PDB file of N, CA and C in Angstrom:
ATOM      1  N   MET A   1      54.951  45.649  31.169  1.00  0.00           N
ATOM      2  CA  MET A   1      54.273  44.553  30.519  1.00  0.00           C
ATOM      3  C   MET A   1      54.764  43.221  31.099  1.00  0.00           C
ATOM      4  N   ARG A   2      56.038  43.160  31.451  1.00  0.00           N
ATOM      5  CA  ARG A   2      56.566  41.921  32.031  1.00  0.00           C
ATOM      6  C   ARG A   2      55.896  41.598  33.359  1.00  0.00           C
ATOM      7  N   GLU A   3      55.575  42.649  34.121  1.00  0.00           N
ATOM      8  CA  GLU A   3      54.894  42.447  35.400  1.00  0.00           C
ATOM      9  C   GLU A   3      53.513  41.820  35.184  1.00  0.00           C
ATOM     10  N   ILE A   4      52.802  42.290  34.188  1.00  0.00           N
ATOM     11  CA  ILE A   4      51.498  41.714  33.848  1.00  0.00           C
ATOM     12  C   ILE A   4      51.681  40.258  33.427  1.00  0.00           C
ATOM     13  N   TYR A   5      52.682  40.012  32.585  1.00  0.00           N
ATOM     14  CA  TYR A   5      52.951  38.660  32.101  1.00  0.00           C
ATOM     15  C   TYR A   5      53.164  37.701  33.271  1.00  0.00           C
ATOM     16  N   ARG A   6      53.929  38.128  34.267  1.00  0.00           N
ATOM     17  CA  ARG A   6      54.230  37.257  35.420  1.00  0.00           C
ATOM     18  C   ARG A   6      52.986  36.908  36.235  1.00  0.00           C
ATOM     19  N   THR A   7      51.998  37.809  36.255  1.00  0.00           N
ATOM     20  CA  THR A   7      50.816  37.569  37.080  1.00  0.00           C
ATOM     21  C   THR A   7      49.791  36.649  36.414  1.00  0.00           C
ATOM     22  N   LEU A   8      49.923  36.447  35.103  1.00  0.00           N
ATOM     23  CA  LEU A   8      48.962  35.614  34.379  1.00  0.00           C
ATOM     24  C   LEU A   8      49.306  34.135  34.478  1.00  0.00           C
ATOM     25  N   ARG A   9      48.295  33.320  34.453  1.00  0.00           N
ATOM     26  CA  ARG A   9      48.492  31.870  34.412  1.00  0.00           C
ATOM     27  C   ARG A   9      48.905  31.445  33.009  1.00  0.00           C
ATOM     28  N   PRO A  10      49.568  30.299  32.880  1.00  0.00           N
ATOM     29  CA  PRO A  10      49.917  29.802  31.541  1.00  0.00           C
ATOM     30  C   PRO A  10      48.662  29.655  30.668  1.00  0.00           C
ATOM     31  N   ASN A  11      48.823  29.940  29.394  1.00  0.00           N
ATOM     32  CA  ASN A  11      47.766  29.894  28.382  1.00  0.00           C
ATOM     33  C   ASN A  11      46.689  30.958  28.568  1.00  0.00           C
ATOM     34  N   SER A  12      46.968  31.973  29.388  1.00  0.00           N
ATOM     35  CA  SER A  12      46.027  33.081  29.564  1.00  0.00           C
ATOM     36  C   SER A  12      46.072  33.998  28.355  1.00  0.00           C
ATOM     37  N   HIS A  13      44.933  34.578  28.053  1.00  0.00           N
ATOM     38  CA  HIS A  13      44.833  35.556  26.973  1.00  0.00           C
ATOM     39  C   HIS A  13      44.980  36.951  27.573  1.00  0.00           C
ATOM     40  N   PHE A  14      45.691  37.802  26.877  1.00  0.00           N
ATOM     41  CA  PHE A  14      45.878  39.190  27.292  1.00  0.00           C
ATOM     42  C   PHE A  14      45.431  40.059  26.124  1.00  0.00           C
ATOM     43  N   ILE A  15      44.607  41.062  26.400  1.00  0.00           N
ATOM     44  CA  ILE A  15      44.036  41.896  25.347  1.00  0.00           C
ATOM     45  C   ILE A  15      44.326  43.368  25.634  1.00  0.00           C
ATOM     46  N   ILE A  16      44.712  44.080  24.592  1.00  0.00           N
ATOM     47  CA  ILE A  16      44.903  45.529  24.661  1.00  0.00           C
ATOM     48  C   ILE A  16      43.988  46.152  23.611  1.00  0.00           C
ATOM     49  N   LEU A  17      43.240  47.153  24.020  1.00  0.00           N
ATOM     50  CA  LEU A  17      42.398  47.911  23.104  1.00  0.00           C
ATOM     51  C   LEU A  17      42.885  49.350  23.138  1.00  0.00           C
ATOM     52  N   ASP A  18      43.185  49.908  21.982  1.00  0.00           N
ATOM     53  CA  ASP A  18      43.643  51.290  21.910  1.00  0.00           C
ATOM     54  C   ASP A  18      43.027  51.935  20.677  1.00  0.00           C
ATOM     55  N   THR A  19      43.112  53.244  20.609  1.00  0.00           N
ATOM     56  CA  THR A  19      42.621  53.925  19.419  1.00  0.00           C
ATOM     57  C   THR A  19      43.523  53.576  18.238  1.00  0.00           C
ATOM     58  N   ASN A  20      42.937  53.530  17.075  1.00  0.00           N
ATOM     59  CA  ASN A  20      43.620  53.151  15.847  1.00  0.00           C
ATOM     60  C   ASN A  20      44.346  54.368  15.267  1.00  0.00           C
ATOM     61  N   LEU A  21      45.666  54.300  15.221  1.00  0.00           N
ATOM     62  CA  LEU A  21      46.441  55.423  14.691  1.00  0.00           C
ATOM     63  C   LEU A  21      46.134  55.719  13.230  1.00  0.00           C
ATOM     64  N   ASN A  22      45.663  54.719  12.508  1.00  0.00           N
ATOM     65  CA  ASN A  22      45.334  54.911  11.090  1.00  0.00           C
ATOM     66  C   ASN A  22      44.103  55.784  10.890  1.00  0.00           C
ATOM     67  N   THR A  23      43.355  56.018  11.961  1.00  0.00           N
ATOM     68  CA  THR A  23      42.169  56.865  11.859  1.00  0.00           C
ATOM     69  C   THR A  23      42.286  58.101  12.756  1.00  0.00           C
ATOM     70  N   THR A  24      43.514  58.531  13.005  1.00  0.00           N
ATOM     71  CA  THR A  24      43.734  59.759  13.768  1.00  0.00           C
ATOM     72  C   THR A  24      43.064  60.920  13.052  1.00  0.00           C
ATOM     73  N   GLY A  25      42.292  61.696  13.794  1.00  0.00           N
ATOM     74  CA  GLY A  25      41.595  62.856  13.239  1.00  0.00           C
ATOM     75  C   GLY A  25      40.246  62.558  12.624  1.00  0.00           C
ATOM     76  N   VAL A  26      39.889  61.285  12.522  1.00  0.00           N
ATOM     77  CA  VAL A  26      38.595  60.899  11.945  1.00  0.00           C
ATOM     78  C   VAL A  26      37.516  61.010  13.026  1.00  0.00           C
ATOM     79  N   PRO A  27      36.432  61.729  12.775  1.00  0.00           N
ATOM     80  CA  PRO A  27      35.364  61.809  13.779  1.00  0.00           C
ATOM     81  C   PRO A  27      34.518  60.531  13.802  1.00  0.00           C
ATOM     82  N   PHE A  28      34.374  59.972  14.991  1.00  0.00           N
ATOM     83  CA  PHE A  28      33.496  58.828  15.209  1.00  0.00           C
ATOM     84  C   PHE A  28      32.333  59.289  16.078  1.00  0.00           C
ATOM     85  N   SER A  29      31.355  58.464  16.253  1.00  0.00           N
ATOM     86  CA  SER A  29      30.150  58.888  16.977  1.00  0.00           C
ATOM     87  C   SER A  29      30.429  59.235  18.430  1.00  0.00           C
ATOM     88  N   THR A  30      31.412  58.598  19.038  1.00  0.00           N
ATOM     89  CA  THR A  30      31.663  58.844  20.458  1.00  0.00           C
ATOM     90  C   THR A  30      32.949  59.597  20.748  1.00  0.00           C
ATOM     91  N   PHE A  31      33.845  59.732  19.762  1.00  0.00           N
ATOM     92  CA  PHE A  31      35.101  60.424  20.023  1.00  0.00           C
ATOM     93  C   PHE A  31      35.825  60.784  18.734  1.00  0.00           C
ATOM     94  N   GLN A  32      36.846  61.618  18.908  1.00  0.00           N
ATOM     95  CA  GLN A  32      37.813  61.901  17.841  1.00  0.00           C
ATOM     96  C   GLN A  32      39.174  61.968  18.508  1.00  0.00           C
ATOM     97  N   ASN A  33      40.116  61.203  17.983  1.00  0.00           N
ATOM     98  CA  ASN A  33      41.447  61.153  18.564  1.00  0.00           C
ATOM     99  C   ASN A  33      42.432  61.872  17.651  1.00  0.00           C
ATOM    100  N   GLY A  34      42.901  63.029  18.078  1.00  0.00           N
ATOM    101  CA  GLY A  34      43.855  63.794  17.292  1.00  0.00           C
ATOM    102  C   GLY A  34      43.182  64.689  16.272  1.00  0.00           C
ATOM    103  N   GLU A  35      44.006  65.498  15.639  1.00  0.00           N
ATOM    104  CA  GLU A  35      43.520  66.473  14.673  1.00  0.00           C
ATOM    105  C   GLU A  35      43.639  65.934  13.253  1.00  0.00           C
ATOM    106  N   PRO A  36      42.662  66.226  12.398  1.00  0.00           N
ATOM    107  CA  PRO A  36      42.716  65.769  11.012  1.00  0.00           C
ATOM    108  C   PRO A  36      43.971  66.290  10.297  1.00  0.00           C
ATOM    109  N   GLY A  37      44.627  65.409   9.556  1.00  0.00           N
ATOM    110  CA  GLY A  37      45.778  65.785   8.760  1.00  0.00           C
ATOM    111  C   GLY A  37      47.088  65.947   9.506  1.00  0.00           C
ATOM    112  N   LYS A  38      47.054  65.878  10.832  1.00  0.00           N
ATOM    113  CA  LYS A  38      48.290  66.040  11.616  1.00  0.00           C
ATOM    114  C   LYS A  38      48.986  64.693  11.763  1.00  0.00           C
ATOM    115  N   SER A  39      50.290  64.696  11.602  1.00  0.00           N
ATOM    116  CA  SER A  39      51.097  63.493  11.790  1.00  0.00           C
ATOM    117  C   SER A  39      51.786  63.599  13.143  1.00  0.00           C
ATOM    118  N   TYR A  40      51.556  62.637  14.014  1.00  0.00           N
ATOM    119  CA  TYR A  40      52.096  62.668  15.376  1.00  0.00           C
ATOM    120  C   TYR A  40      53.339  61.783  15.469  1.00  0.00           C
ATOM    121  N   SER A  41      54.312  62.237  16.214  1.00  0.00           N
ATOM    122  CA  SER A  41      55.542  61.468  16.383  1.00  0.00           C
ATOM    123  C   SER A  41      55.427  60.548  17.606  1.00  0.00           C
ATOM    124  N   TYR A  42      56.406  59.690  17.774  1.00  0.00           N
ATOM    125  CA  TYR A  42      56.439  58.696  18.853  1.00  0.00           C
ATOM    126  C   TYR A  42      56.322  59.392  20.210  1.00  0.00           C
ATOM    127  N   GLY A  43      55.295  59.037  20.979  1.00  0.00           N
ATOM    128  CA  GLY A  43      55.094  59.572  22.320  1.00  0.00           C
ATOM    129  C   GLY A  43      54.530  60.975  22.389  1.00  0.00           C
ATOM    130  N   GLU A  44      54.253  61.576  21.244  1.00  0.00           N
ATOM    131  CA  GLU A  44      53.713  62.939  21.233  1.00  0.00           C
ATOM    132  C   GLU A  44      52.296  62.959  21.804  1.00  0.00           C
ATOM    133  N   GLU A  45      51.999  64.020  22.544  1.00  0.00           N
ATOM    134  CA  GLU A  45      50.656  64.159  23.110  1.00  0.00           C
ATOM    135  C   GLU A  45      49.644  64.377  21.995  1.00  0.00           C
ATOM    136  N   ARG A  46      48.493  63.729  22.156  1.00  0.00           N
ATOM    137  CA  ARG A  46      47.402  63.805  21.198  1.00  0.00           C
ATOM    138  C   ARG A  46      46.126  64.023  22.001  1.00  0.00           C
ATOM    139  N   VAL A  47      45.353  65.015  21.641  1.00  0.00           N
ATOM    140  CA  VAL A  47      44.116  65.303  22.367  1.00  0.00           C
ATOM    141  C   VAL A  47      43.004  64.402  21.841  1.00  0.00           C
ATOM    142  N   GLU A  48      42.299  63.782  22.762  1.00  0.00           N
ATOM    143  CA  GLU A  48      41.143  62.957  22.421  1.00  0.00           C
ATOM    144  C   GLU A  48      39.902  63.651  22.963  1.00  0.00           C
ATOM    145  N   LYS A  49      38.919  63.838  22.097  1.00  0.00           N
ATOM    146  CA  LYS A  49      37.675  64.506  22.479  1.00  0.00           C
ATOM    147  C   LYS A  49      36.559  63.483  22.511  1.00  0.00           C
ATOM    148  N   LEU A  50      36.025  63.246  23.708  1.00  0.00           N
ATOM    149  CA  LEU A  50      34.918  62.311  23.873  1.00  0.00           C
ATOM    150  C   LEU A  50      33.609  63.080  23.841  1.00  0.00           C
ATOM    151  N   ASN A  51      32.654  62.571  23.079  1.00  0.00           N
ATOM    152  CA  ASN A  51      31.335  63.198  22.991  1.00  0.00           C
ATOM    153  C   ASN A  51      30.463  62.682  24.117  1.00  0.00           C
ATOM    154  N   LEU A  52      30.000  63.577  24.959  1.00  0.00           N
ATOM    155  CA  LEU A  52      29.143  63.211  26.078  1.00  0.00           C
ATOM    156  C   LEU A  52      27.678  63.420  25.705  1.00  0.00           C
ATOM    157  N   ASP A  53      26.796  62.767  26.442  1.00  0.00           N
ATOM    158  CA  ASP A  53      25.362  62.890  26.182  1.00  0.00           C
ATOM    159  C   ASP A  53      24.881  64.331  26.282  1.00  0.00           C
ATOM    160  N   SER A  54      25.533  65.136  27.103  1.00  0.00           N
ATOM    161  CA  SER A  54      25.095  66.510  27.335  1.00  0.00           C
ATOM    162  C   SER A  54      25.555  67.471  26.246  1.00  0.00           C
ATOM    163  N   GLN A  55      26.068  66.947  25.130  1.00  0.00           N
ATOM    164  CA  GLN A  55      26.592  67.736  24.013  1.00  0.00           C
ATOM    165  C   GLN A  55      27.919  68.406  24.347  1.00  0.00           C
ATOM    166  N   GLU A  56      28.431  68.171  25.554  1.00  0.00           N
ATOM    167  CA  GLU A  56      29.755  68.667  25.909  1.00  0.00           C
ATOM    168  C   GLU A  56      30.800  67.677  25.416  1.00  0.00           C
ATOM    169  N   LYS A  57      32.044  68.112  25.399  1.00  0.00           N
ATOM    170  CA  LYS A  57      33.150  67.230  25.040  1.00  0.00           C
ATOM    171  C   LYS A  57      34.054  67.081  26.254  1.00  0.00           C
ATOM    172  N   LEU A  58      34.448  65.839  26.525  1.00  0.00           N
ATOM    173  CA  LEU A  58      35.419  65.557  27.560  1.00  0.00           C
ATOM    174  C   LEU A  58      36.768  65.480  26.861  1.00  0.00           C
ATOM    175  N   ILE A  59      37.716  66.281  27.292  1.00  0.00           N
ATOM    176  CA  ILE A  59      39.030  66.342  26.663  1.00  0.00           C
ATOM    177  C   ILE A  59      39.998  65.469  27.460  1.00  0.00           C
ATOM    178  N   LEU A  60      40.603  64.513  26.767  1.00  0.00           N
ATOM    179  CA  LEU A  60      41.612  63.640  27.369  1.00  0.00           C
ATOM    180  C   LEU A  60      42.947  63.894  26.690  1.00  0.00           C
ATOM    181  N   HIS A  61      43.995  63.791  27.451  1.00  0.00           N
ATOM    182  CA  HIS A  61      45.335  63.944  26.894  1.00  0.00           C
ATOM    183  C   HIS A  61      45.937  62.553  26.743  1.00  0.00           C
ATOM    184  N   ASP A  62      46.016  62.120  25.506  1.00  0.00           N
ATOM    185  CA  ASP A  62      46.502  60.791  25.144  1.00  0.00           C
ATOM    186  C   ASP A  62      47.894  60.956  24.535  1.00  0.00           C
ATOM    187  N   PHE A  63      48.529  59.847  24.227  1.00  0.00           N
ATOM    188  CA  PHE A  63      49.855  59.886  23.626  1.00  0.00           C
ATOM    189  C   PHE A  63      49.900  58.983  22.412  1.00  0.00           C
ATOM    190  N   ASN A  64      50.739  59.317  21.473  1.00  0.00           N
ATOM    191  CA  ASN A  64      50.869  58.576  20.228  1.00  0.00           C
ATOM    192  C   ASN A  64      51.864  57.427  20.407  1.00  0.00           C
ATOM    193  N   TRP A  65      51.365  56.216  20.465  1.00  0.00           N
ATOM    194  CA  TRP A  65      52.214  55.030  20.560  1.00  0.00           C
ATOM    195  C   TRP A  65      51.985  54.196  19.308  1.00  0.00           C
ATOM    196  N   PRO A  66      53.000  54.058  18.479  1.00  0.00           N
ATOM    197  CA  PRO A  66      52.832  53.303  17.238  1.00  0.00           C
ATOM    198  C   PRO A  66      52.522  51.833  17.488  1.00  0.00           C
ATOM    199  N   ASN A  67      51.867  51.226  16.519  1.00  0.00           N
ATOM    200  CA  ASN A  67      51.469  49.820  16.643  1.00  0.00           C
ATOM    201  C   ASN A  67      52.660  48.918  16.927  1.00  0.00           C
ATOM    202  N   ARG A  68      53.775  49.176  16.287  1.00  0.00           N
ATOM    203  CA  ARG A  68      54.945  48.309  16.473  1.00  0.00           C
ATOM    204  C   ARG A  68      55.431  48.325  17.924  1.00  0.00           C
ATOM    205  N   MET A  69      55.205  49.429  18.661  1.00  0.00           N
ATOM    206  CA  MET A  69      55.608  49.502  20.060  1.00  0.00           C
ATOM    207  C   MET A  69      54.863  48.454  20.883  1.00  0.00           C
ATOM    208  N   TYR A  70      53.563  48.325  20.661  1.00  0.00           N
ATOM    209  CA  TYR A  70      52.786  47.322  21.385  1.00  0.00           C
ATOM    210  C   TYR A  70      53.265  45.912  21.042  1.00  0.00           C
ATOM    211  N   GLU A  71      53.406  45.664  19.762  1.00  0.00           N
ATOM    212  CA  GLU A  71      53.819  44.322  19.325  1.00  0.00           C
ATOM    213  C   GLU A  71      55.206  43.971  19.863  1.00  0.00           C
ATOM    214  N   THR A  72      56.139  44.913  19.800  1.00  0.00           N
ATOM    215  CA  THR A  72      57.494  44.684  20.311  1.00  0.00           C
ATOM    216  C   THR A  72      57.478  44.405  21.805  1.00  0.00           C
ATOM    217  N   ASN A  73      56.738  45.190  22.556  1.00  0.00           N
ATOM    218  CA  ASN A  73      56.689  45.000  24.011  1.00  0.00           C
ATOM    219  C   ASN A  73      55.984  43.710  24.410  1.00  0.00           C
ATOM    220  N   LEU A  74      54.971  43.318  23.661  1.00  0.00           N
ATOM    221  CA  LEU A  74      54.320  42.040  23.951  1.00  0.00           C
ATOM    222  C   LEU A  74      55.292  40.886  23.735  1.00  0.00           C
ATOM    223  N   LYS A  75      56.056  40.933  22.660  1.00  0.00           N
ATOM    224  CA  LYS A  75      57.050  39.886  22.387  1.00  0.00           C
ATOM    225  C   LYS A  75      58.141  39.879  23.437  1.00  0.00           C
ATOM    226  N   ARG A  76      58.646  41.062  23.798  1.00  0.00           N
ATOM    227  CA  ARG A  76      59.704  41.166  24.813  1.00  0.00           C
ATOM    228  C   ARG A  76      59.258  40.622  26.162  1.00  0.00           C
ATOM    229  N   ALA A  77      57.988  40.816  26.477  1.00  0.00           N
ATOM    230  CA  ALA A  77      57.465  40.337  27.762  1.00  0.00           C
ATOM    231  C   ALA A  77      57.294  38.824  27.771  1.00  0.00           C
ATOM    232  N   GLY A  78      57.288  38.188  26.600  1.00  0.00           N
ATOM    233  CA  GLY A  78      57.161  36.744  26.533  1.00  0.00           C
ATOM    234  C   GLY A  78      55.861  36.235  25.936  1.00  0.00           C
ATOM    235  N   PHE A  79      54.988  37.143  25.527  1.00  0.00           N
ATOM    236  CA  PHE A  79      53.722  36.710  24.936  1.00  0.00           C
ATOM    237  C   PHE A  79      53.962  36.124  23.546  1.00  0.00           C
ATOM    238  N   SER A  80      53.084  35.228  23.145  1.00  0.00           N
ATOM    239  CA  SER A  80      53.172  34.631  21.817  1.00  0.00           C
ATOM    240  C   SER A  80      51.787  34.695  21.164  1.00  0.00           C
ATOM    241  N   GLU A  81      51.711  34.208  19.945  1.00  0.00           N
ATOM    242  CA  GLU A  81      50.460  34.188  19.179  1.00  0.00           C
ATOM    243  C   GLU A  81      49.762  35.552  19.224  1.00  0.00           C
ATOM    244  N   ILE A  82      50.523  36.569  18.906  1.00  0.00           N
ATOM    245  CA  ILE A  82      50.001  37.935  18.927  1.00  0.00           C
ATOM    246  C   ILE A  82      49.181  38.164  17.658  1.00  0.00           C
ATOM    247  N   THR A  83      47.931  38.543  17.849  1.00  0.00           N
ATOM    248  CA  THR A  83      47.070  38.866  16.711  1.00  0.00           C
ATOM    249  C   THR A  83      46.624  40.321  16.843  1.00  0.00           C
ATOM    250  N   VAL A  84      46.443  40.949  15.704  1.00  0.00           N
ATOM    251  CA  VAL A  84      46.038  42.345  15.657  1.00  0.00           C
ATOM    252  C   VAL A  84      44.788  42.438  14.797  1.00  0.00           C
ATOM    253  N   ARG A  85      43.774  43.110  15.321  1.00  0.00           N
ATOM    254  CA  ARG A  85      42.523  43.287  14.568  1.00  0.00           C
ATOM    255  C   ARG A  85      42.121  44.751  14.581  1.00  0.00           C
ATOM    256  N   TYR A  86      41.428  45.134  13.542  1.00  0.00           N
ATOM    257  CA  TYR A  86      40.888  46.480  13.394  1.00  0.00           C
ATOM    258  C   TYR A  86      39.376  46.351  13.201  1.00  0.00           C
ATOM    259  N   PRO A  87      38.612  46.166  14.279  1.00  0.00           N
ATOM    260  CA  PRO A  87      37.165  45.928  14.119  1.00  0.00           C
ATOM    261  C   PRO A  87      36.408  47.172  13.654  1.00  0.00           C
ATOM    262  N   LYS A  88      35.503  46.955  12.696  1.00  0.00           N
ATOM    263  CA  LYS A  88      34.614  47.990  12.179  1.00  0.00           C
ATOM    264  C   LYS A  88      33.178  47.533  12.406  1.00  0.00           C
ATOM    265  N   LEU A  89      32.266  48.444  12.357  1.00  0.00           N
ATOM    266  CA  LEU A  89      30.860  48.114  12.558  1.00  0.00           C
ATOM    267  C   LEU A  89      30.365  47.127  11.503  1.00  0.00           C
ATOM    268  N   GLU A  90      30.874  47.237  10.269  1.00  0.00           N
ATOM    269  CA  GLU A  90      30.436  46.340   9.204  1.00  0.00           C
ATOM    270  C   GLU A  90      30.888  44.891   9.438  1.00  0.00           C
ATOM    271  N   ASP A  91      31.775  44.662  10.418  1.00  0.00           N
ATOM    272  CA  ASP A  91      32.206  43.303  10.763  1.00  0.00           C
ATOM    273  C   ASP A  91      31.161  42.560  11.601  1.00  0.00           C
ATOM    274  N   PHE A  92      30.181  43.294  12.121  1.00  0.00           N
ATOM    275  CA  PHE A  92      29.145  42.699  12.967  1.00  0.00           C
ATOM    276  C   PHE A  92      27.897  42.418  12.138  1.00  0.00           C
ATOM    277  N   SER A  93      27.136  41.432  12.568  1.00  0.00           N
ATOM    278  CA  SER A  93      25.885  41.127  11.880  1.00  0.00           C
ATOM    279  C   SER A  93      24.840  42.186  12.223  1.00  0.00           C
ATOM    280  N   ALA A  94      23.803  42.247  11.411  1.00  0.00           N
ATOM    281  CA  ALA A  94      22.706  43.192  11.664  1.00  0.00           C
ATOM    282  C   ALA A  94      22.075  42.937  13.027  1.00  0.00           C
ATOM    283  N   GLU A  95      21.982  41.672  13.409  1.00  0.00           N
ATOM    284  CA  GLU A  95      21.412  41.328  14.711  1.00  0.00           C
ATOM    285  C   GLU A  95      22.296  41.823  15.852  1.00  0.00           C
ATOM    286  N   GLN A  96      23.611  41.683  15.706  1.00  0.00           N
ATOM    287  CA  GLN A  96      24.533  42.147  16.745  1.00  0.00           C
ATOM    288  C   GLN A  96      24.473  43.667  16.888  1.00  0.00           C
ATOM    289  N   ILE A  97      24.401  44.363  15.758  1.00  0.00           N
ATOM    290  CA  ILE A  97      24.314  45.822  15.797  1.00  0.00           C
ATOM    291  C   ILE A  97      23.010  46.254  16.454  1.00  0.00           C
ATOM    292  N   GLN A  98      21.931  45.582  16.110  1.00  0.00           N
ATOM    293  CA  GLN A  98      20.634  45.907  16.705  1.00  0.00           C
ATOM    294  C   GLN A  98      20.672  45.685  18.219  1.00  0.00           C
ATOM    295  N   GLN A  99      21.302  44.616  18.650  1.00  0.00           N
ATOM    296  CA  GLN A  99      21.414  44.341  20.084  1.00  0.00           C
ATOM    297  C   GLN A  99      22.215  45.440  20.789  1.00  0.00           C
ATOM    298  N   ILE A 100      23.306  45.880  20.178  1.00  0.00           N
ATOM    299  CA  ILE A 100      24.122  46.957  20.748  1.00  0.00           C
ATOM    300  C   ILE A 100      23.296  48.239  20.836  1.00  0.00           C
ATOM    301  N   GLU A 101      22.581  48.558  19.767  1.00  0.00           N
ATOM    302  CA  GLU A 101      21.774  49.780  19.743  1.00  0.00           C
ATOM    303  C   GLU A 101      20.678  49.752  20.797  1.00  0.00           C
ATOM    304  N   GLN A 102      20.055  48.604  20.997  1.00  0.00           N
ATOM    305  CA  GLN A 102      19.003  48.496  22.008  1.00  0.00           C
ATOM    306  C   GLN A 102      19.574  48.556  23.417  1.00  0.00           C
ATOM    307  N   GLU A 103      20.658  47.852  23.640  1.00  0.00           N
ATOM    308  CA  GLU A 103      21.233  47.803  24.986  1.00  0.00           C
ATOM    309  C   GLU A 103      21.788  49.152  25.427  1.00  0.00           C
ATOM    310  N   TYR A 104      22.407  49.863  24.490  1.00  0.00           N
ATOM    311  CA  TYR A 104      23.049  51.131  24.845  1.00  0.00           C
ATOM    312  C   TYR A 104      22.286  52.355  24.352  1.00  0.00           C
ATOM    313  N   HIS A 105      21.081  52.149  23.797  1.00  0.00           N
ATOM    314  CA  HIS A 105      20.226  53.246  23.320  1.00  0.00           C
ATOM    315  C   HIS A 105      21.003  54.149  22.365  1.00  0.00           C
ATOM    316  N   TYR A 106      21.580  53.530  21.348  1.00  0.00           N
ATOM    317  CA  TYR A 106      22.459  54.271  20.453  1.00  0.00           C
ATOM    318  C   TYR A 106      22.204  53.913  18.994  1.00  0.00           C
ATOM    319  N   LYS A 107      22.105  54.930  18.131  1.00  0.00           N
ATOM    320  CA  LYS A 107      21.901  54.674  16.703  1.00  0.00           C
ATOM    321  C   LYS A 107      22.622  55.688  15.823  1.00  0.00           C
ATOM    322  N   SER A 108      23.390  56.561  16.382  1.00  0.00           N
ATOM    323  CA  SER A 108      24.012  57.645  15.621  1.00  0.00           C
ATOM    324  C   SER A 108      25.433  57.295  15.184  1.00  0.00           C
ATOM    325  N   TRP A 109      25.564  56.298  14.342  1.00  0.00           N
ATOM    326  CA  TRP A 109      26.882  55.870  13.894  1.00  0.00           C
ATOM    327  C   TRP A 109      27.435  56.832  12.859  1.00  0.00           C
ATOM    328  N   LEU A 110      28.738  57.008  12.869  1.00  0.00           N
ATOM    329  CA  LEU A 110      29.400  57.833  11.855  1.00  0.00           C
ATOM    330  C   LEU A 110      30.380  56.960  11.079  1.00  0.00           C
ATOM    331  N   ASN A 111      31.643  57.289  11.126  1.00  0.00           N
ATOM    332  CA  ASN A 111      32.667  56.607  10.340  1.00  0.00           C
ATOM    333  C   ASN A 111      33.008  55.196  10.813  1.00  0.00           C
ATOM    334  N   GLU A 112      32.531  54.780  11.988  1.00  0.00           N
ATOM    335  CA  GLU A 112      32.841  53.430  12.471  1.00  0.00           C
ATOM    336  C   GLU A 112      32.185  52.341  11.637  1.00  0.00           C
ATOM    337  N   LYS A 113      31.290  52.748  10.735  1.00  0.00           N
ATOM    338  CA  LYS A 113      30.687  51.767   9.833  1.00  0.00           C
ATOM    339  C   LYS A 113      31.733  51.154   8.912  1.00  0.00           C
ATOM    340  N   THR A 114      32.655  51.976   8.424  1.00  0.00           N
ATOM    341  CA  THR A 114      33.622  51.502   7.431  1.00  0.00           C
ATOM    342  C   THR A 114      35.080  51.671   7.847  1.00  0.00           C
ATOM    343  N   GLN A 115      35.332  52.394   8.937  1.00  0.00           N
ATOM    344  CA  GLN A 115      36.698  52.588   9.428  1.00  0.00           C
ATOM    345  C   GLN A 115      36.795  52.103  10.862  1.00  0.00           C
ATOM    346  N   ALA A 116      37.920  51.536  11.210  1.00  0.00           N
ATOM    347  CA  ALA A 116      38.105  50.976  12.552  1.00  0.00           C
ATOM    348  C   ALA A 116      38.588  52.053  13.520  1.00  0.00           C
ATOM    349  N   PRO A 117      37.766  52.414  14.503  1.00  0.00           N
ATOM    350  CA  PRO A 117      38.204  53.421  15.470  1.00  0.00           C
ATOM    351  C   PRO A 117      39.260  52.885  16.446  1.00  0.00           C
ATOM    352  N   PHE A 118      39.311  51.573  16.596  1.00  0.00           N
ATOM    353  CA  PHE A 118      40.206  50.962  17.575  1.00  0.00           C
ATOM    354  C   PHE A 118      41.086  49.894  16.932  1.00  0.00           C
ATOM    355  N   ILE A 119      42.143  49.569  17.642  1.00  0.00           N
ATOM    356  CA  ILE A 119      42.993  48.441  17.300  1.00  0.00           C
ATOM    357  C   ILE A 119      42.962  47.508  18.504  1.00  0.00           C
ATOM    358  N   LEU A 120      42.897  46.220  18.238  1.00  0.00           N
ATOM    359  CA  LEU A 120      42.770  45.214  19.290  1.00  0.00           C
ATOM    360  C   LEU A 120      43.921  44.223  19.166  1.00  0.00           C
ATOM    361  N   TYR A 121      44.727  44.131  20.223  1.00  0.00           N
ATOM    362  CA  TYR A 121      45.821  43.175  20.279  1.00  0.00           C
ATOM    363  C   TYR A 121      45.411  42.035  21.193  1.00  0.00           C
ATOM    364  N   GLN A 122      45.652  40.817  20.769  1.00  0.00           N
ATOM    365  CA  GLN A 122      45.423  39.656  21.631  1.00  0.00           C
ATOM    366  C   GLN A 122      46.697  38.831  21.619  1.00  0.00           C
ATOM    367  N   ALA A 123      47.122  38.436  22.803  1.00  0.00           N
ATOM    368  CA  ALA A 123      48.344  37.629  22.936  1.00  0.00           C
ATOM    369  C   ALA A 123      48.107  36.563  23.994  1.00  0.00           C
ATOM    370  N   ILE A 124      48.943  35.535  23.970  1.00  0.00           N
ATOM    371  CA  ILE A 124      48.805  34.413  24.897  1.00  0.00           C
ATOM    372  C   ILE A 124      50.093  34.234  25.679  1.00  0.00           C
ATOM    373  N   LYS A 125      49.930  34.008  26.973  1.00  0.00           N
ATOM    374  CA  LYS A 125      51.072  33.674  27.809  1.00  0.00           C
ATOM    375  C   LYS A 125      51.302  32.171  27.690  1.00  0.00           C
ATOM    376  N   LYS A 126      52.487  31.797  27.332  1.00  0.00           N
ATOM    377  CA  LYS A 126      52.816  30.363  27.228  1.00  0.00           C
ATOM    378  C   LYS A 126      53.286  29.824  28.556  1.00  0.00           C
TER     379      LYS A 126
END
């Protein structure tokens, strides 16, 4: 992370998007990260199943990194003004959702309506 920090210009924004550990095992329209009811330890492998258009699943081997690990490493690297968001579909306007559905030909939403599939970190290099 320090290497990334060094390459950025002052006042640059740095963003990390990762799956939300609070929704491990929850099926979303495009993926499911981890098994329902399983508690994963620090760095433990977690299987992520991506839903492909062909009805097949793409299996990825992900790892369990707690939220505090990201926040700690961002601070250690020198980033400031760290904000954390858990975006859900209900956070978007009806017009924004319609635009997404038209652009990506998608309307089969599941739990992302009320649960955040991802966590978004934003930090600034001073």
